[in-house]
Amino acid sequence: MIALPKIIEEYFRNNLVLVAGEPQSKEPWAPPWNGYKVLKIRSREDFQDAINRKPDMNVMLHGKESGLVQVDPDSKEARIWAVRRGLHDKGAWVIRSVRGLKALYRVPGVALPPTHTDKTHQTADIINELCMVPPSIHPDGIQLSWADGHSPADIPYKQLATLPQGLLDAWVELKGFDIPKVHNTNPPVGALNIIYEAILTRIEPTSRLTRHGDGMKGRCPLHDDKNPSFTIHPVNGWHCFAGCGKGRISNLAFRLGVTV
């Protein structure tokens, strides 16, 4: 197995879910052998298999499964619109593209509207689905790159800024979406988060964890799990949908013999 590009390693280190894209295109690759479904890449092994099958593929992030929202102003007017509503690069991942900079933020703790795209380019596109990321090639032929100091290598996911409230409000209004407020799911500070991090450290080598909102999803550490049937969240606890049970993370720590 050849070494993966450094930026791809950073994606997996941040537990992001990737999608294989068509070469020099914004469209995902949906190969026949995968039932014409988009090819999700959750591990280094998945990436190696995909690149062997399609060496010139683009790389996309799966926004929903990675817990990310992209704000993409496609014109000067759209950038002014977005900046007035809170677009900023402080603590954000920022991609350099043909039309300027686009920012990626963590999802806020609320239900999100459908993706917004504006063919008139008067407002910024706000995307919670698939978005191209470096080292992809834009349809115009330019290779995408991360802005200095604003890549997943520079800012870990846990420290990534949340989508600004002004942009969220504008997104809701544009889509006519009735957004139900829910509890804040950002990881808490203190003993609870220490237990959560200790569990993740213990199970990461075998569970093949991926981002699931502000929690994680993967193979259950309590049984020989061949498919991802396990979720864990610092506040909401853990749940094995294959029958191992559910409960608080302190209960799971006891069952796994994790001490802090």
C-alpha atoms as a PDB file:
ATOM      1  CA  MET A   1       0.000   0.000   0.000  1.00  0.00           C
ATOM      2  CA  ILE A   2       1.433   3.375  -1.003  1.00  0.00           C
ATOM      3  CA  ALA A   3       1.574   6.277   1.426  1.00  0.00           C
ATOM      4  CA  LEU A   4      -1.450   8.552   1.263  1.00  0.00           C
ATOM      5  CA  PRO A   5      -1.062  12.292   0.593  1.00  0.00           C
ATOM      6  CA  LYS A   6      -0.586  14.231   3.819  1.00  0.00           C
ATOM      7  CA  ILE A   7      -3.866  16.141   3.447  1.00  0.00           C
ATOM      8  CA  ILE A   8      -5.823  12.890   3.013  1.00  0.00           C
ATOM      9  CA  GLU A   9      -4.264  11.608   6.234  1.00  0.00           C
ATOM     10  CA  GLU A  10      -5.459  14.804   7.953  1.00  0.00           C
ATOM     11  CA  TYR A  11      -9.021  14.183   6.771  1.00  0.00           C
ATOM     12  CA  PHE A  12      -9.032  10.751   8.354  1.00  0.00           C
ATOM     13  CA  ARG A  13      -7.292  12.052  11.492  1.00  0.00           C
ATOM     14  CA  ASN A  14     -10.258  14.414  11.888  1.00  0.00           C
ATOM     15  CA  ASN A  15     -12.709  11.528  11.299  1.00  0.00           C
ATOM     16  CA  LEU A  16     -14.198  13.096   8.161  1.00  0.00           C
ATOM     17  CA  VAL A  17     -16.223  11.108   5.643  1.00  0.00           C
ATOM     18  CA  LEU A  18     -15.043  11.507   2.050  1.00  0.00           C
ATOM     19  CA  VAL A  19     -16.795  10.805  -1.253  1.00  0.00           C
ATOM     20  CA  ALA A  20     -15.109   9.904  -4.542  1.00  0.00           C
ATOM     21  CA  GLY A  21     -15.777  12.501  -7.244  1.00  0.00           C
ATOM     22  CA  GLU A  22     -15.654  12.437 -11.018  1.00  0.00           C
ATOM     23  CA  PRO A  23     -12.351  13.813 -12.376  1.00  0.00           C
ATOM     24  CA  GLN A  24     -12.262  17.637 -12.667  1.00  0.00           C
ATOM     25  CA  SER A  25     -15.962  17.781 -11.766  1.00  0.00           C
ATOM     26  CA  LYS A  26     -18.311  18.753  -8.936  1.00  0.00           C
ATOM     27  CA  GLU A  27     -20.259  15.533  -9.479  1.00  0.00           C
ATOM     28  CA  PRO A  28     -19.764  12.450  -7.289  1.00  0.00           C
ATOM     29  CA  TRP A  29     -18.642   9.178  -8.804  1.00  0.00           C
ATOM     30  CA  ALA A  30     -21.379   6.518  -8.704  1.00  0.00           C
ATOM     31  CA  PRO A  31     -19.794   3.369 -10.158  1.00  0.00           C
ATOM     32  CA  PRO A  32     -21.923   0.441 -11.393  1.00  0.00           C
ATOM     33  CA  TRP A  33     -20.166  -2.022  -9.073  1.00  0.00           C
ATOM     34  CA  ASN A  34     -21.384   0.107  -6.142  1.00  0.00           C
ATOM     35  CA  GLY A  35     -24.995  -0.034  -7.340  1.00  0.00           C
ATOM     36  CA  TYR A  36     -24.684   3.438  -8.951  1.00  0.00           C
ATOM     37  CA  LYS A  37     -24.510   4.939  -5.464  1.00  0.00           C
ATOM     38  CA  VAL A  38     -21.974   7.563  -4.401  1.00  0.00           C
ATOM     39  CA  LEU A  39     -18.804   5.963  -3.088  1.00  0.00           C
ATOM     40  CA  LYS A  40     -18.308   6.923   0.553  1.00  0.00           C
ATOM     41  CA  ILE A  41     -14.766   6.685   1.881  1.00  0.00           C
ATOM     42  CA  ARG A  42     -14.524   6.151   5.633  1.00  0.00           C
ATOM     43  CA  SER A  43     -11.020   4.768   6.029  1.00  0.00           C
ATOM     44  CA  ARG A  44      -7.535   4.735   4.557  1.00  0.00           C
ATOM     45  CA  GLU A  45      -8.289   1.304   3.093  1.00  0.00           C
ATOM     46  CA  ASP A  46     -11.426   2.656   1.395  1.00  0.00           C
ATOM     47  CA  PHE A  47      -9.405   5.526  -0.088  1.00  0.00           C
ATOM     48  CA  GLN A  48      -6.677   3.205  -1.356  1.00  0.00           C
ATOM     49  CA  ASP A  49      -9.282   1.006  -3.050  1.00  0.00           C
ATOM     50  CA  ALA A  50     -11.005   4.018  -4.650  1.00  0.00           C
ATOM     51  CA  ILE A  51      -7.794   5.594  -5.946  1.00  0.00           C
ATOM     52  CA  ASN A  52      -6.713   2.244  -7.404  1.00  0.00           C
ATOM     53  CA  ARG A  53      -9.985   2.056  -9.327  1.00  0.00           C
ATOM     54  CA  LYS A  54     -10.035   5.734 -10.363  1.00  0.00           C
ATOM     55  CA  PRO A  55      -6.587   7.347 -10.046  1.00  0.00           C
ATOM     56  CA  ASP A  56      -7.762  10.767 -11.279  1.00  0.00           C
ATOM     57  CA  MET A  57     -10.793  11.041  -9.008  1.00  0.00           C
ATOM     58  CA  ASN A  58     -11.682  14.262  -7.229  1.00  0.00           C
ATOM     59  CA  VAL A  59     -12.098  14.254  -3.445  1.00  0.00           C
ATOM     60  CA  MET A  60     -15.287  15.506  -1.810  1.00  0.00           C
ATOM     61  CA  LEU A  61     -16.399  15.898   1.800  1.00  0.00           C
ATOM     62  CA  HIS A  62     -19.724  14.483   2.906  1.00  0.00           C
ATOM     63  CA  GLY A  63     -21.021  17.478   4.859  1.00  0.00           C
ATOM     64  CA  LYS A  64     -23.847  15.782   6.750  1.00  0.00           C
ATOM     65  CA  GLU A  65     -21.795  12.806   7.895  1.00  0.00           C
ATOM     66  CA  SER A  66     -18.743  14.954   8.677  1.00  0.00           C
ATOM     67  CA  GLY A  67     -20.714  17.580  10.628  1.00  0.00           C
ATOM     68  CA  LEU A  68     -19.745  20.427   8.282  1.00  0.00           C
ATOM     69  CA  VAL A  69     -21.362  23.333   6.426  1.00  0.00           C
ATOM     70  CA  GLN A  70     -19.646  25.103   3.528  1.00  0.00           C
ATOM     71  CA  VAL A  71     -20.301  28.752   2.668  1.00  0.00           C
ATOM     72  CA  ASP A  72     -19.294  29.476  -0.936  1.00  0.00           C
ATOM     73  CA  PRO A  73     -19.672  33.024  -2.318  1.00  0.00           C
ATOM     74  CA  ASP A  74     -19.482  32.742  -6.122  1.00  0.00           C
ATOM     75  CA  SER A  75     -19.251  36.477  -6.834  1.00  0.00           C
ATOM     76  CA  LYS A  76     -18.279  39.829  -5.309  1.00  0.00           C
ATOM     77  CA  GLU A  77     -21.963  40.498  -4.566  1.00  0.00           C
ATOM     78  CA  ALA A  78     -22.359  37.129  -2.862  1.00  0.00           C
ATOM     79  CA  ARG A  79     -19.256  37.714  -0.731  1.00  0.00           C
ATOM     80  CA  ILE A  80     -20.551  41.127   0.433  1.00  0.00           C
ATOM     81  CA  TRP A  81     -23.889  39.478   1.246  1.00  0.00           C
ATOM     82  CA  ALA A  82     -22.170  36.746   3.257  1.00  0.00           C
ATOM     83  CA  VAL A  83     -19.765  39.045   5.118  1.00  0.00           C
ATOM     84  CA  ARG A  84     -22.687  41.228   6.236  1.00  0.00           C
ATOM     85  CA  ARG A  85     -24.224  38.097   7.741  1.00  0.00           C
ATOM     86  CA  GLY A  86     -21.148  36.970   9.587  1.00  0.00           C
ATOM     87  CA  LEU A  87     -18.848  35.197   7.126  1.00  0.00           C
ATOM     88  CA  HIS A  88     -15.352  35.100   8.637  1.00  0.00           C
ATOM     89  CA  ASP A  89     -12.228  32.966   8.541  1.00  0.00           C
ATOM     90  CA  LYS A  90     -11.373  32.968  12.269  1.00  0.00           C
ATOM     91  CA  GLY A  91     -11.193  29.319  13.312  1.00  0.00           C
ATOM     92  CA  ALA A  92     -12.653  28.182   9.961  1.00  0.00           C
ATOM     93  CA  TRP A  93     -11.292  25.876   7.307  1.00  0.00           C
ATOM     94  CA  VAL A  94     -10.805  27.977   4.175  1.00  0.00           C
ATOM     95  CA  ILE A  95     -10.361  26.753   0.591  1.00  0.00           C
ATOM     96  CA  ARG A  96      -8.801  28.828  -2.162  1.00  0.00           C
ATOM     97  CA  SER A  97     -10.763  28.410  -5.383  1.00  0.00           C
ATOM     98  CA  VAL A  98     -11.221  29.993  -8.803  1.00  0.00           C
ATOM     99  CA  ARG A  99     -13.713  32.556  -7.484  1.00  0.00           C
ATOM    100  CA  GLY A 100     -12.029  33.348  -4.190  1.00  0.00           C
ATOM    101  CA  LEU A 101     -12.309  31.842  -0.716  1.00  0.00           C
ATOM    102  CA  LYS A 102     -14.908  29.450   0.645  1.00  0.00           C
ATOM    103  CA  ALA A 103     -15.247  28.628   4.348  1.00  0.00           C
ATOM    104  CA  LEU A 104     -16.206  25.440   6.170  1.00  0.00           C
ATOM    105  CA  TYR A 105     -17.720  25.504   9.658  1.00  0.00           C
ATOM    106  CA  ARG A 106     -19.033  22.998  12.178  1.00  0.00           C
ATOM    107  CA  VAL A 107     -22.769  22.432  12.093  1.00  0.00           C
ATOM    108  CA  PRO A 108     -24.699  24.251  14.841  1.00  0.00           C
ATOM    109  CA  GLY A 109     -26.827  22.273  17.284  1.00  0.00           C
ATOM    110  CA  VAL A 110     -30.069  22.652  15.314  1.00  0.00           C
ATOM    111  CA  ALA A 111     -31.807  20.987  12.381  1.00  0.00           C
ATOM    112  CA  LEU A 112     -30.542  22.430   9.109  1.00  0.00           C
ATOM    113  CA  PRO A 113     -32.374  23.579   5.962  1.00  0.00           C
ATOM    114  CA  PRO A 114     -31.686  21.955   2.579  1.00  0.00           C
ATOM    115  CA  THR A 115     -28.632  23.114   0.653  1.00  0.00           C
ATOM    116  CA  HIS A 116     -28.978  26.613  -0.826  1.00  0.00           C
ATOM    117  CA  THR A 117     -27.530  27.402  -4.263  1.00  0.00           C
ATOM    118  CA  ASP A 118     -28.021  30.698  -6.092  1.00  0.00           C
ATOM    119  CA  LYS A 119     -27.619  30.642  -9.875  1.00  0.00           C
ATOM    120  CA  THR A 120     -27.756  34.469  -9.900  1.00  0.00           C
ATOM    121  CA  HIS A 121     -24.744  34.612  -7.531  1.00  0.00           C
ATOM    122  CA  GLN A 122     -26.357  37.358  -5.429  1.00  0.00           C
ATOM    123  CA  THR A 123     -26.203  35.251  -2.256  1.00  0.00           C
ATOM    124  CA  ALA A 124     -23.618  32.703  -1.145  1.00  0.00           C
ATOM    125  CA  ASP A 125     -24.198  28.997  -1.653  1.00  0.00           C
ATOM    126  CA  ILE A 126     -24.613  27.234   1.717  1.00  0.00           C
ATOM    127  CA  ILE A 127     -23.928  23.525   1.430  1.00  0.00           C
ATOM    128  CA  ASN A 128     -24.427  20.699   3.921  1.00  0.00           C
ATOM    129  CA  GLU A 129     -24.090  17.882   1.390  1.00  0.00           C
ATOM    130  CA  LEU A 130     -21.092  17.293  -0.902  1.00  0.00           C
ATOM    131  CA  CYS A 131     -18.300  19.774  -1.506  1.00  0.00           C
ATOM    132  CA  MET A 132     -14.976  19.494  -3.318  1.00  0.00           C
ATOM    133  CA  VAL A 133     -11.850  19.787  -1.197  1.00  0.00           C
ATOM    134  CA  PRO A 134      -8.098  19.780  -1.934  1.00  0.00           C
ATOM    135  CA  PRO A 135      -6.428  18.222  -3.829  1.00  0.00           C
ATOM    136  CA  SER A 136      -9.421  18.189  -6.219  1.00  0.00           C
ATOM    137  CA  ILE A 137      -9.310  19.866  -9.638  1.00  0.00           C
ATOM    138  CA  HIS A 138     -12.009  22.487 -10.243  1.00  0.00           C
ATOM    139  CA  PRO A 139     -13.955  22.174 -13.529  1.00  0.00           C
ATOM    140  CA  ASP A 140     -12.066  25.313 -14.647  1.00  0.00           C
ATOM    141  CA  GLY A 141      -8.809  23.354 -14.349  1.00  0.00           C
ATOM    142  CA  ILE A 142      -7.452  24.965 -11.154  1.00  0.00           C
ATOM    143  CA  GLN A 143      -6.347  22.728  -8.294  1.00  0.00           C
ATOM    144  CA  LEU A 144      -7.999  23.590  -4.978  1.00  0.00           C
ATOM    145  CA  SER A 145      -5.776  24.328  -1.987  1.00  0.00           C
ATOM    146  CA  TRP A 146      -6.229  25.224   1.664  1.00  0.00           C
ATOM    147  CA  ALA A 147      -5.478  28.782   2.759  1.00  0.00           C
ATOM    148  CA  ASP A 148      -2.410  29.114   4.978  1.00  0.00           C
ATOM    149  CA  GLY A 149      -3.289  28.386   8.606  1.00  0.00           C
ATOM    150  CA  HIS A 150      -6.844  27.311   7.757  1.00  0.00           C
ATOM    151  CA  SER A 151      -6.646  23.617   6.894  1.00  0.00           C
ATOM    152  CA  PRO A 152      -7.632  20.506   8.893  1.00  0.00           C
ATOM    153  CA  ALA A 153      -3.923  20.159   9.665  1.00  0.00           C
ATOM    154  CA  ASP A 154      -3.931  23.611  11.296  1.00  0.00           C
ATOM    155  CA  ILE A 155      -7.326  23.556  13.035  1.00  0.00           C
ATOM    156  CA  PRO A 156      -8.597  20.243  14.468  1.00  0.00           C
ATOM    157  CA  TYR A 157     -12.303  19.575  13.980  1.00  0.00           C
ATOM    158  CA  LYS A 158     -12.961  19.980  17.701  1.00  0.00           C
ATOM    159  CA  GLN A 159     -11.633  23.557  17.528  1.00  0.00           C
ATOM    160  CA  LEU A 160     -13.409  24.476  14.294  1.00  0.00           C
ATOM    161  CA  ALA A 161     -15.699  27.523  14.414  1.00  0.00           C
ATOM    162  CA  THR A 162     -19.464  26.948  14.267  1.00  0.00           C
ATOM    163  CA  LEU A 163     -21.537  28.375  11.387  1.00  0.00           C
ATOM    164  CA  PRO A 164     -22.214  32.048  12.265  1.00  0.00           C
ATOM    165  CA  GLN A 165     -25.744  32.700  13.514  1.00  0.00           C
ATOM    166  CA  GLY A 166     -26.357  35.446  10.919  1.00  0.00           C
ATOM    167  CA  LEU A 167     -25.635  33.035   8.065  1.00  0.00           C
ATOM    168  CA  LEU A 168     -27.819  30.372   9.656  1.00  0.00           C
ATOM    169  CA  ASP A 169     -30.696  32.872  10.002  1.00  0.00           C
ATOM    170  CA  ALA A 170     -30.298  33.962   6.368  1.00  0.00           C
ATOM    171  CA  TRP A 171     -30.184  30.319   5.226  1.00  0.00           C
ATOM    172  CA  VAL A 172     -33.397  29.546   7.111  1.00  0.00           C
ATOM    173  CA  GLU A 173     -35.129  32.572   5.586  1.00  0.00           C
ATOM    174  CA  LEU A 174     -33.952  31.757   2.046  1.00  0.00           C
ATOM    175  CA  LYS A 175     -35.300  28.213   2.242  1.00  0.00           C
ATOM    176  CA  GLY A 176     -38.482  29.089   4.161  1.00  0.00           C
ATOM    177  CA  PHE A 177     -37.438  26.512   6.755  1.00  0.00           C
ATOM    178  CA  ASP A 178     -39.073  26.166  10.175  1.00  0.00           C
ATOM    179  CA  ILE A 179     -36.040  25.322  12.265  1.00  0.00           C
ATOM    180  CA  PRO A 180     -36.752  23.553  15.570  1.00  0.00           C
ATOM    181  CA  LYS A 181     -34.383  24.546  18.359  1.00  0.00           C
ATOM    182  CA  VAL A 182     -32.624  21.704  20.157  1.00  0.00           C
ATOM    183  CA  HIS A 183     -30.069  21.411  22.911  1.00  0.00           C
ATOM    184  CA  ASN A 184     -26.495  22.448  22.214  1.00  0.00           C
ATOM    185  CA  THR A 185     -24.566  19.290  21.298  1.00  0.00           C
ATOM    186  CA  ASN A 186     -21.059  20.731  21.423  1.00  0.00           C
ATOM    187  CA  PRO A 187     -18.803  18.560  23.601  1.00  0.00           C
ATOM    188  CA  PRO A 188     -19.005  19.690  27.241  1.00  0.00           C
ATOM    189  CA  VAL A 189     -16.021  20.805  29.239  1.00  0.00           C
ATOM    190  CA  GLY A 190     -14.951  18.856  32.302  1.00  0.00           C
ATOM    191  CA  ALA A 191     -15.100  15.274  33.571  1.00  0.00           C
ATOM    192  CA  LEU A 192     -17.717  14.084  31.079  1.00  0.00           C
ATOM    193  CA  ASN A 193     -15.593  15.076  28.113  1.00  0.00           C
ATOM    194  CA  ILE A 194     -12.488  13.513  29.665  1.00  0.00           C
ATOM    195  CA  ILE A 195     -14.317  10.165  29.894  1.00  0.00           C
ATOM    196  CA  TYR A 196     -15.575  10.548  26.336  1.00  0.00           C
ATOM    197  CA  GLU A 197     -12.084  11.230  24.961  1.00  0.00           C
ATOM    198  CA  ALA A 198     -10.644   8.291  26.928  1.00  0.00           C
ATOM    199  CA  ILE A 199     -13.224   5.949  25.389  1.00  0.00           C
ATOM    200  CA  LEU A 200     -12.516   7.227  21.871  1.00  0.00           C
ATOM    201  CA  THR A 201      -8.790   6.681  22.393  1.00  0.00           C
ATOM    202  CA  ARG A 202      -9.435   3.095  23.512  1.00  0.00           C
ATOM    203  CA  ILE A 203     -11.806   2.054  20.708  1.00  0.00           C
ATOM    204  CA  GLU A 204     -10.397   4.051  17.753  1.00  0.00           C
ATOM    205  CA  PRO A 205      -7.998   1.291  16.525  1.00  0.00           C
ATOM    206  CA  THR A 206     -10.822  -1.229  15.954  1.00  0.00           C
ATOM    207  CA  SER A 207     -14.060   0.749  15.701  1.00  0.00           C
ATOM    208  CA  ARG A 208     -13.151   2.746  12.550  1.00  0.00           C
ATOM    209  CA  LEU A 209     -14.922   5.803  13.929  1.00  0.00           C
ATOM    210  CA  THR A 210     -16.381   8.501  11.692  1.00  0.00           C
ATOM    211  CA  ARG A 211     -18.030  11.818  12.488  1.00  0.00           C
ATOM    212  CA  HIS A 212     -21.749  11.581  13.338  1.00  0.00           C
ATOM    213  CA  GLY A 213     -23.024  15.095  14.064  1.00  0.00           C
ATOM    214  CA  ASP A 214     -21.089  16.125  17.180  1.00  0.00           C
ATOM    215  CA  GLY A 215     -20.590  12.501  18.166  1.00  0.00           C
ATOM    216  CA  MET A 216     -19.058   9.470  16.505  1.00  0.00           C
ATOM    217  CA  LYS A 217     -20.242   6.339  14.717  1.00  0.00           C
ATOM    218  CA  GLY A 218     -18.454   3.065  14.067  1.00  0.00           C
ATOM    219  CA  ARG A 219     -18.130  -0.612  14.869  1.00  0.00           C
ATOM    220  CA  CYS A 220     -19.353  -1.566  18.324  1.00  0.00           C
ATOM    221  CA  PRO A 221     -16.470  -2.336  20.727  1.00  0.00           C
ATOM    222  CA  LEU A 222     -18.642  -4.779  22.699  1.00  0.00           C
ATOM    223  CA  HIS A 223     -19.119  -7.417  19.989  1.00  0.00           C
ATOM    224  CA  ASP A 224     -17.601  -8.624  16.704  1.00  0.00           C
ATOM    225  CA  ASP A 225     -19.269  -5.900  14.642  1.00  0.00           C
ATOM    226  CA  LYS A 226     -18.866  -6.135  10.864  1.00  0.00           C
ATOM    227  CA  ASN A 227     -20.985  -3.051  10.117  1.00  0.00           C
ATOM    228  CA  PRO A 228     -21.152   0.335  11.907  1.00  0.00           C
ATOM    229  CA  SER A 229     -23.903  -0.224  14.486  1.00  0.00           C
ATOM    230  CA  PHE A 230     -22.559   1.917  17.318  1.00  0.00           C
ATOM    231  CA  THR A 231     -22.915   5.613  18.124  1.00  0.00           C
ATOM    232  CA  ILE A 232     -21.418   7.612  20.966  1.00  0.00           C
ATOM    233  CA  HIS A 233     -21.944  11.189  22.089  1.00  0.00           C
ATOM    234  CA  PRO A 234     -20.522  12.960  25.165  1.00  0.00           C
ATOM    235  CA  VAL A 235     -23.970  14.115  26.320  1.00  0.00           C
ATOM    236  CA  ASN A 236     -26.439  11.669  24.767  1.00  0.00           C
ATOM    237  CA  GLY A 237     -24.425   8.570  25.650  1.00  0.00           C
ATOM    238  CA  TRP A 238     -23.844   5.438  23.591  1.00  0.00           C
ATOM    239  CA  HIS A 239     -26.077   3.054  21.678  1.00  0.00           C
ATOM    240  CA  CYS A 240     -25.418  -0.261  19.942  1.00  0.00           C
ATOM    241  CA  PHE A 241     -28.215  -0.931  17.464  1.00  0.00           C
ATOM    242  CA  ALA A 242     -27.144  -4.581  17.175  1.00  0.00           C
ATOM    243  CA  GLY A 243     -28.294  -5.349  20.709  1.00  0.00           C
ATOM    244  CA  CYS A 244     -25.430  -4.620  23.113  1.00  0.00           C
ATOM    245  CA  GLY A 245     -27.480  -1.923  24.793  1.00  0.00           C
ATOM    246  CA  LYS A 246     -27.236   1.791  25.410  1.00  0.00           C
ATOM    247  CA  GLY A 247     -26.555   4.163  28.270  1.00  0.00           C
ATOM    248  CA  ARG A 248     -24.333   6.860  29.667  1.00  0.00           C
ATOM    249  CA  ILE A 249     -20.710   7.069  28.626  1.00  0.00           C
ATOM    250  CA  SER A 250     -19.669   6.381  32.236  1.00  0.00           C
ATOM    251  CA  ASN A 251     -21.456   3.018  31.954  1.00  0.00           C
ATOM    252  CA  LEU A 252     -19.597   2.228  28.728  1.00  0.00           C
ATOM    253  CA  ALA A 253     -16.285   3.204  30.308  1.00  0.00           C
ATOM    254  CA  PHE A 254     -16.963   0.683  33.101  1.00  0.00           C
ATOM    255  CA  ARG A 255     -17.817  -2.068  30.601  1.00  0.00           C
ATOM    256  CA  LEU A 256     -14.658  -1.395  28.599  1.00  0.00           C
ATOM    257  CA  GLY A 257     -12.424  -1.084  31.655  1.00  0.00           C
ATOM    258  CA  VAL A 258     -11.510   2.503  30.760  1.00  0.00           C
ATOM    259  CA  THR A 259     -10.197   4.567  33.670  1.00  0.00           C
ATOM    260  CA  VAL A 260      -9.335   8.273  33.760  1.00  0.00           C
END
